[in-house]
N, C-alpha and C. Protein backbone atom coordinates (compact mmCIF):
# COMPACT_ATOMS: atom_id res chain seq x y z
N MET A 1 7.78 15.11 11.20
CA MET A 1 8.89 14.27 10.79
C MET A 1 9.10 14.40 9.28
N SER A 2 10.03 13.66 8.80
CA SER A 2 10.44 13.73 7.41
C SER A 2 9.39 13.14 6.47
N ASN A 3 9.27 13.72 5.29
CA ASN A 3 8.43 13.14 4.24
C ASN A 3 9.33 12.44 3.24
N THR A 4 9.03 11.18 2.98
CA THR A 4 9.78 10.43 1.99
C THR A 4 8.96 10.39 0.72
N ASP A 5 9.55 9.80 -0.29
CA ASP A 5 8.83 9.60 -1.54
C ASP A 5 7.59 8.77 -1.22
N ARG A 6 6.42 9.25 -1.58
CA ARG A 6 5.17 8.57 -1.24
C ARG A 6 4.64 7.72 -2.39
N LYS A 7 5.51 7.34 -3.31
CA LYS A 7 5.04 6.47 -4.39
C LYS A 7 4.49 5.19 -3.80
N GLY A 8 3.57 4.59 -4.53
CA GLY A 8 2.98 3.34 -4.08
C GLY A 8 3.85 2.15 -4.48
N ALA A 9 3.51 1.00 -3.93
CA ALA A 9 4.22 -0.23 -4.25
C ALA A 9 3.62 -0.83 -5.52
N ASN A 10 4.40 -0.89 -6.58
CA ASN A 10 3.91 -1.46 -7.84
C ASN A 10 3.87 -2.98 -7.80
N GLU A 11 4.69 -3.57 -6.94
CA GLU A 11 4.72 -5.01 -6.72
C GLU A 11 4.63 -5.23 -5.22
N PRO A 12 4.04 -6.34 -4.79
CA PRO A 12 3.91 -6.56 -3.34
C PRO A 12 5.26 -6.59 -2.63
N GLY A 13 6.29 -7.09 -3.30
CA GLY A 13 7.62 -7.14 -2.70
C GLY A 13 8.24 -5.77 -2.48
N ASP A 14 7.69 -4.73 -3.09
CA ASP A 14 8.22 -3.37 -2.91
C ASP A 14 7.89 -2.81 -1.53
N LEU A 15 6.87 -3.35 -0.87
CA LEU A 15 6.41 -2.79 0.40
C LEU A 15 7.50 -2.78 1.46
N ALA A 16 8.30 -3.85 1.57
CA ALA A 16 9.33 -3.92 2.60
C ALA A 16 10.37 -2.82 2.44
N GLY A 17 10.80 -2.57 1.22
CA GLY A 17 11.78 -1.51 0.98
C GLY A 17 11.22 -0.13 1.30
N LEU A 18 9.95 0.09 0.93
CA LEU A 18 9.31 1.36 1.26
C LEU A 18 9.19 1.51 2.77
N PHE A 19 8.84 0.42 3.45
CA PHE A 19 8.76 0.46 4.92
C PHE A 19 10.10 0.89 5.50
N ASN A 20 11.17 0.25 5.07
CA ASN A 20 12.48 0.53 5.65
C ASN A 20 12.89 1.98 5.43
N ALA A 21 12.70 2.48 4.21
CA ALA A 21 13.07 3.86 3.90
C ALA A 21 12.26 4.84 4.74
N ARG A 22 10.97 4.61 4.86
CA ARG A 22 10.11 5.53 5.59
C ARG A 22 10.33 5.44 7.09
N ALA A 23 10.55 4.24 7.62
CA ALA A 23 10.82 4.09 9.05
C ALA A 23 12.11 4.81 9.42
N ASN A 24 13.16 4.61 8.63
CA ASN A 24 14.44 5.26 8.93
C ASN A 24 14.40 6.76 8.74
N ALA A 25 13.46 7.25 7.92
CA ALA A 25 13.29 8.69 7.74
C ALA A 25 12.39 9.29 8.80
N GLY A 26 11.78 8.45 9.65
CA GLY A 26 10.85 8.95 10.66
C GLY A 26 9.54 9.42 10.08
N ASP A 27 9.15 8.87 8.93
CA ASP A 27 7.97 9.30 8.20
C ASP A 27 6.74 8.47 8.60
N VAL A 28 6.07 8.91 9.66
CA VAL A 28 4.90 8.18 10.16
C VAL A 28 3.81 8.11 9.11
N GLU A 29 3.49 9.22 8.46
CA GLU A 29 2.41 9.22 7.46
C GLU A 29 2.76 8.34 6.27
N GLY A 30 4.04 8.32 5.91
CA GLY A 30 4.48 7.43 4.84
C GLY A 30 4.30 5.97 5.20
N LEU A 31 4.54 5.62 6.47
CA LEU A 31 4.31 4.25 6.93
C LEU A 31 2.83 3.91 6.91
N VAL A 32 2.01 4.80 7.41
CA VAL A 32 0.55 4.58 7.42
C VAL A 32 0.04 4.36 6.00
N ALA A 33 0.63 5.07 5.04
CA ALA A 33 0.20 4.97 3.64
C ALA A 33 0.49 3.60 3.02
N LEU A 34 1.25 2.75 3.71
CA LEU A 34 1.53 1.40 3.21
C LEU A 34 0.44 0.40 3.57
N TYR A 35 -0.57 0.85 4.32
CA TYR A 35 -1.62 -0.02 4.83
C TYR A 35 -2.98 0.36 4.29
N GLU A 36 -3.84 -0.64 4.11
CA GLU A 36 -5.25 -0.38 3.79
C GLU A 36 -5.89 0.35 4.96
N ALA A 37 -6.98 1.04 4.69
CA ALA A 37 -7.65 1.85 5.72
C ALA A 37 -8.07 1.04 6.94
N ASP A 38 -8.42 -0.22 6.75
CA ASP A 38 -8.87 -1.06 7.87
C ASP A 38 -7.88 -2.18 8.18
N ALA A 39 -6.61 -1.98 7.84
CA ALA A 39 -5.57 -2.99 8.06
C ALA A 39 -5.39 -3.28 9.54
N VAL A 40 -4.79 -4.45 9.80
CA VAL A 40 -4.46 -4.86 11.16
C VAL A 40 -2.95 -5.02 11.25
N LEU A 41 -2.37 -4.39 12.27
CA LEU A 41 -0.95 -4.47 12.55
C LEU A 41 -0.78 -5.06 13.94
N ALA A 42 -0.07 -6.16 14.03
CA ALA A 42 0.22 -6.78 15.33
C ALA A 42 1.71 -6.69 15.57
N ALA A 43 2.07 -6.22 16.75
CA ALA A 43 3.49 -6.10 17.12
C ALA A 43 3.60 -6.41 18.60
N GLY A 44 4.14 -7.57 18.91
CA GLY A 44 4.23 -7.97 20.32
C GLY A 44 2.83 -8.11 20.89
N ASN A 45 2.57 -7.39 21.97
CA ASN A 45 1.24 -7.47 22.59
C ASN A 45 0.32 -6.34 22.14
N VAL A 46 0.72 -5.61 21.11
CA VAL A 46 -0.08 -4.50 20.59
C VAL A 46 -0.76 -4.93 19.29
N VAL A 47 -2.05 -4.66 19.18
CA VAL A 47 -2.77 -4.87 17.92
C VAL A 47 -3.40 -3.52 17.55
N ALA A 48 -3.03 -3.01 16.40
CA ALA A 48 -3.56 -1.73 15.91
C ALA A 48 -4.42 -2.01 14.69
N THR A 49 -5.64 -1.50 14.70
CA THR A 49 -6.57 -1.70 13.58
C THR A 49 -6.94 -0.35 12.99
N GLY A 50 -6.74 -0.21 11.70
CA GLY A 50 -7.10 1.03 11.01
C GLY A 50 -6.00 2.07 11.07
N HIS A 51 -6.12 3.05 10.20
CA HIS A 51 -5.07 4.06 10.08
C HIS A 51 -4.81 4.83 11.36
N ALA A 52 -5.83 5.20 12.11
CA ALA A 52 -5.62 6.00 13.32
C ALA A 52 -4.76 5.24 14.34
N GLU A 53 -5.08 3.98 14.56
CA GLU A 53 -4.33 3.19 15.54
C GLU A 53 -2.93 2.86 15.02
N ILE A 54 -2.81 2.58 13.73
CA ILE A 54 -1.50 2.32 13.14
C ILE A 54 -0.64 3.58 13.22
N ARG A 55 -1.23 4.73 12.95
CA ARG A 55 -0.51 6.00 13.06
C ARG A 55 0.00 6.20 14.48
N GLN A 56 -0.84 5.93 15.49
CA GLN A 56 -0.42 6.09 16.89
C GLN A 56 0.72 5.14 17.23
N PHE A 57 0.61 3.89 16.75
CA PHE A 57 1.67 2.91 17.00
C PHE A 57 3.01 3.42 16.45
N TYR A 58 3.01 3.85 15.19
CA TYR A 58 4.27 4.30 14.60
C TYR A 58 4.75 5.62 15.20
N THR A 59 3.85 6.50 15.59
CA THR A 59 4.25 7.73 16.27
C THR A 59 4.99 7.38 17.54
N ASP A 60 4.45 6.45 18.32
CA ASP A 60 5.11 6.02 19.56
C ASP A 60 6.45 5.34 19.26
N LEU A 61 6.46 4.42 18.29
CA LEU A 61 7.68 3.69 17.97
C LEU A 61 8.78 4.62 17.48
N LEU A 62 8.43 5.53 16.59
CA LEU A 62 9.45 6.39 15.99
C LEU A 62 9.87 7.54 16.90
N SER A 63 9.14 7.75 18.00
CA SER A 63 9.54 8.80 18.94
C SER A 63 10.82 8.41 19.67
N LYS A 64 11.12 7.12 19.66
CA LYS A 64 12.37 6.63 20.23
C LYS A 64 13.42 6.72 19.13
N LYS A 65 14.57 7.20 19.45
CA LYS A 65 15.63 7.33 18.43
C LYS A 65 16.06 5.93 18.03
N SER A 66 15.71 5.53 16.82
CA SER A 66 15.96 4.17 16.37
C SER A 66 16.44 4.15 14.94
N GLU A 67 17.07 3.04 14.59
CA GLU A 67 17.45 2.76 13.21
C GLU A 67 16.89 1.39 12.87
N PHE A 68 16.28 1.28 11.71
CA PHE A 68 15.69 0.02 11.27
C PHE A 68 16.62 -0.64 10.26
N PRO A 69 17.19 -1.78 10.62
CA PRO A 69 18.11 -2.44 9.69
C PRO A 69 17.38 -2.95 8.45
N ALA A 70 18.07 -2.92 7.33
CA ALA A 70 17.47 -3.39 6.08
C ALA A 70 17.23 -4.90 6.16
N ALA A 71 16.13 -5.33 5.60
CA ALA A 71 15.79 -6.75 5.55
C ALA A 71 15.96 -7.24 4.12
N GLU A 72 16.21 -8.52 3.98
CA GLU A 72 16.30 -9.14 2.65
C GLU A 72 14.88 -9.46 2.20
N THR A 73 14.44 -8.82 1.13
CA THR A 73 13.10 -9.07 0.61
C THR A 73 13.12 -10.37 -0.19
N LEU A 74 12.23 -11.27 0.17
CA LEU A 74 12.11 -12.56 -0.52
C LEU A 74 10.94 -12.48 -1.49
N PRO A 75 10.90 -13.33 -2.51
CA PRO A 75 9.81 -13.26 -3.50
C PRO A 75 8.44 -13.43 -2.85
N ALA A 76 7.51 -12.60 -3.26
CA ALA A 76 6.13 -12.68 -2.78
C ALA A 76 5.42 -13.85 -3.46
N ILE A 77 4.44 -14.40 -2.76
CA ILE A 77 3.56 -15.40 -3.35
C ILE A 77 2.27 -14.67 -3.69
N VAL A 78 1.92 -14.66 -4.97
CA VAL A 78 0.77 -13.89 -5.45
C VAL A 78 -0.30 -14.83 -5.97
N ASN A 79 -1.55 -14.57 -5.57
CA ASN A 79 -2.72 -15.28 -6.07
C ASN A 79 -3.76 -14.22 -6.41
N GLY A 80 -3.81 -13.82 -7.67
CA GLY A 80 -4.75 -12.77 -8.07
C GLY A 80 -4.42 -11.46 -7.39
N ASN A 81 -5.37 -10.95 -6.60
CA ASN A 81 -5.21 -9.66 -5.93
C ASN A 81 -4.68 -9.80 -4.52
N LEU A 82 -4.29 -11.00 -4.12
CA LEU A 82 -3.73 -11.23 -2.78
C LEU A 82 -2.29 -11.67 -2.89
N ALA A 83 -1.49 -11.32 -1.89
CA ALA A 83 -0.09 -11.73 -1.88
C ALA A 83 0.39 -11.89 -0.44
N LEU A 84 1.31 -12.82 -0.26
CA LEU A 84 2.07 -12.91 0.98
C LEU A 84 3.43 -12.32 0.68
N THR A 85 3.85 -11.38 1.52
CA THR A 85 5.16 -10.77 1.37
C THR A 85 6.05 -11.29 2.49
N PHE A 86 7.34 -11.41 2.19
CA PHE A 86 8.29 -11.97 3.13
C PHE A 86 9.55 -11.12 3.16
N ALA A 87 10.12 -11.00 4.35
CA ALA A 87 11.41 -10.35 4.48
C ALA A 87 12.21 -11.09 5.55
N ARG A 88 13.47 -11.40 5.26
CA ARG A 88 14.34 -12.02 6.25
C ARG A 88 15.12 -10.91 6.93
N LEU A 89 15.00 -10.84 8.23
CA LEU A 89 15.65 -9.80 9.02
C LEU A 89 17.10 -10.17 9.29
N PRO A 90 17.93 -9.19 9.62
CA PRO A 90 19.34 -9.49 9.88
C PRO A 90 19.55 -10.55 10.97
N ASN A 91 18.62 -10.67 11.91
CA ASN A 91 18.76 -11.68 12.97
C ASN A 91 18.27 -13.06 12.52
N GLY A 92 17.84 -13.17 11.25
CA GLY A 92 17.40 -14.44 10.70
C GLY A 92 15.91 -14.70 10.79
N SER A 93 15.18 -13.92 11.58
CA SER A 93 13.73 -14.14 11.67
C SER A 93 13.06 -13.70 10.38
N LEU A 94 11.87 -14.24 10.16
CA LEU A 94 11.14 -14.00 8.93
C LEU A 94 9.88 -13.20 9.23
N SER A 95 9.69 -12.12 8.50
CA SER A 95 8.49 -11.30 8.60
C SER A 95 7.57 -11.68 7.44
N VAL A 96 6.29 -11.90 7.74
CA VAL A 96 5.32 -12.29 6.72
C VAL A 96 4.10 -11.37 6.85
N GLU A 97 3.65 -10.84 5.71
CA GLU A 97 2.50 -9.95 5.69
C GLU A 97 1.55 -10.35 4.56
N ALA A 98 0.29 -9.96 4.70
CA ALA A 98 -0.70 -10.16 3.64
C ALA A 98 -0.95 -8.82 2.98
N ALA A 99 -0.81 -8.79 1.66
CA ALA A 99 -1.02 -7.57 0.89
C ALA A 99 -2.15 -7.79 -0.10
N ARG A 100 -2.77 -6.67 -0.51
CA ARG A 100 -3.86 -6.75 -1.48
C ARG A 100 -3.63 -5.70 -2.56
N ARG A 101 -3.87 -6.10 -3.82
CA ARG A 101 -3.78 -5.15 -4.94
C ARG A 101 -4.98 -4.20 -4.86
N GLN A 102 -4.68 -2.92 -5.02
CA GLN A 102 -5.70 -1.89 -4.96
C GLN A 102 -6.25 -1.60 -6.36
N GLU A 103 -7.32 -0.85 -6.43
CA GLU A 103 -7.94 -0.56 -7.73
C GLU A 103 -6.99 0.14 -8.69
N ASP A 104 -6.03 0.92 -8.16
CA ASP A 104 -5.09 1.63 -9.03
C ASP A 104 -3.89 0.76 -9.42
N GLY A 105 -3.89 -0.51 -8.98
CA GLY A 105 -2.82 -1.44 -9.33
C GLY A 105 -1.68 -1.50 -8.32
N THR A 106 -1.65 -0.59 -7.36
CA THR A 106 -0.62 -0.63 -6.33
C THR A 106 -1.01 -1.64 -5.26
N TRP A 107 -0.07 -1.93 -4.38
CA TRP A 107 -0.28 -2.92 -3.32
C TRP A 107 -0.19 -2.26 -1.95
N LEU A 108 -1.05 -2.70 -1.03
CA LEU A 108 -1.02 -2.25 0.36
C LEU A 108 -1.13 -3.46 1.28
N TRP A 109 -0.54 -3.33 2.46
CA TRP A 109 -0.68 -4.40 3.44
C TRP A 109 -2.06 -4.36 4.07
N ALA A 110 -2.68 -5.52 4.21
CA ALA A 110 -3.95 -5.67 4.92
C ALA A 110 -3.73 -6.23 6.30
N ILE A 111 -2.71 -7.08 6.44
CA ILE A 111 -2.34 -7.68 7.73
C ILE A 111 -0.83 -7.65 7.83
N ASP A 112 -0.35 -7.19 8.98
CA ASP A 112 1.09 -7.12 9.20
C ASP A 112 1.39 -7.56 10.63
N GLN A 113 2.19 -8.60 10.77
CA GLN A 113 2.70 -8.97 12.08
C GLN A 113 4.14 -8.49 12.11
N LEU A 114 4.33 -7.30 12.66
CA LEU A 114 5.62 -6.62 12.60
C LEU A 114 6.66 -7.40 13.38
N LYS A 115 7.74 -7.76 12.71
CA LYS A 115 8.84 -8.48 13.33
C LYS A 115 10.10 -7.63 13.40
N ILE A 116 10.10 -6.53 12.67
CA ILE A 116 11.30 -5.69 12.66
C ILE A 116 11.43 -4.99 13.98
N LYS A 117 12.61 -5.12 14.58
CA LYS A 117 12.88 -4.46 15.84
C LYS A 117 13.90 -3.36 15.59
N PRO A 118 13.57 -2.13 15.98
CA PRO A 118 14.52 -1.05 15.77
C PRO A 118 15.76 -1.24 16.64
N VAL A 119 16.86 -0.68 16.18
CA VAL A 119 18.10 -0.68 16.94
C VAL A 119 18.25 0.71 17.53
N ALA A 120 18.37 0.80 18.85
CA ALA A 120 18.53 2.10 19.50
C ALA A 120 19.82 2.74 19.03
N THR A 121 19.74 4.05 18.76
CA THR A 121 20.94 4.76 18.32
C THR A 121 21.27 5.85 19.31
């Protein structure tokens, strides 16, 4: 699939925009790169732990021809090296994730309860 810009998130609120760009580009590895190595991703009845399982989840999801609508990124709540990130989806639902600052200063998701639903194209 496509490779997008693999820059890291300098602020926790940057993660949602990077997610949207990479999902719409079909960039599975770019999506995996938004998560810590032992992150947990919950989506419906699926729970994926770690990069291998998250990679499989996104490979399956992106194999369906889909478009991911842009979400409104809301201000993150930051406490030291931890942050809650928020995005309001076009349908009004709210996506909330836990992010952690990495040693290089970038941010990665540690916990993600995926609320974004692709639109079949």
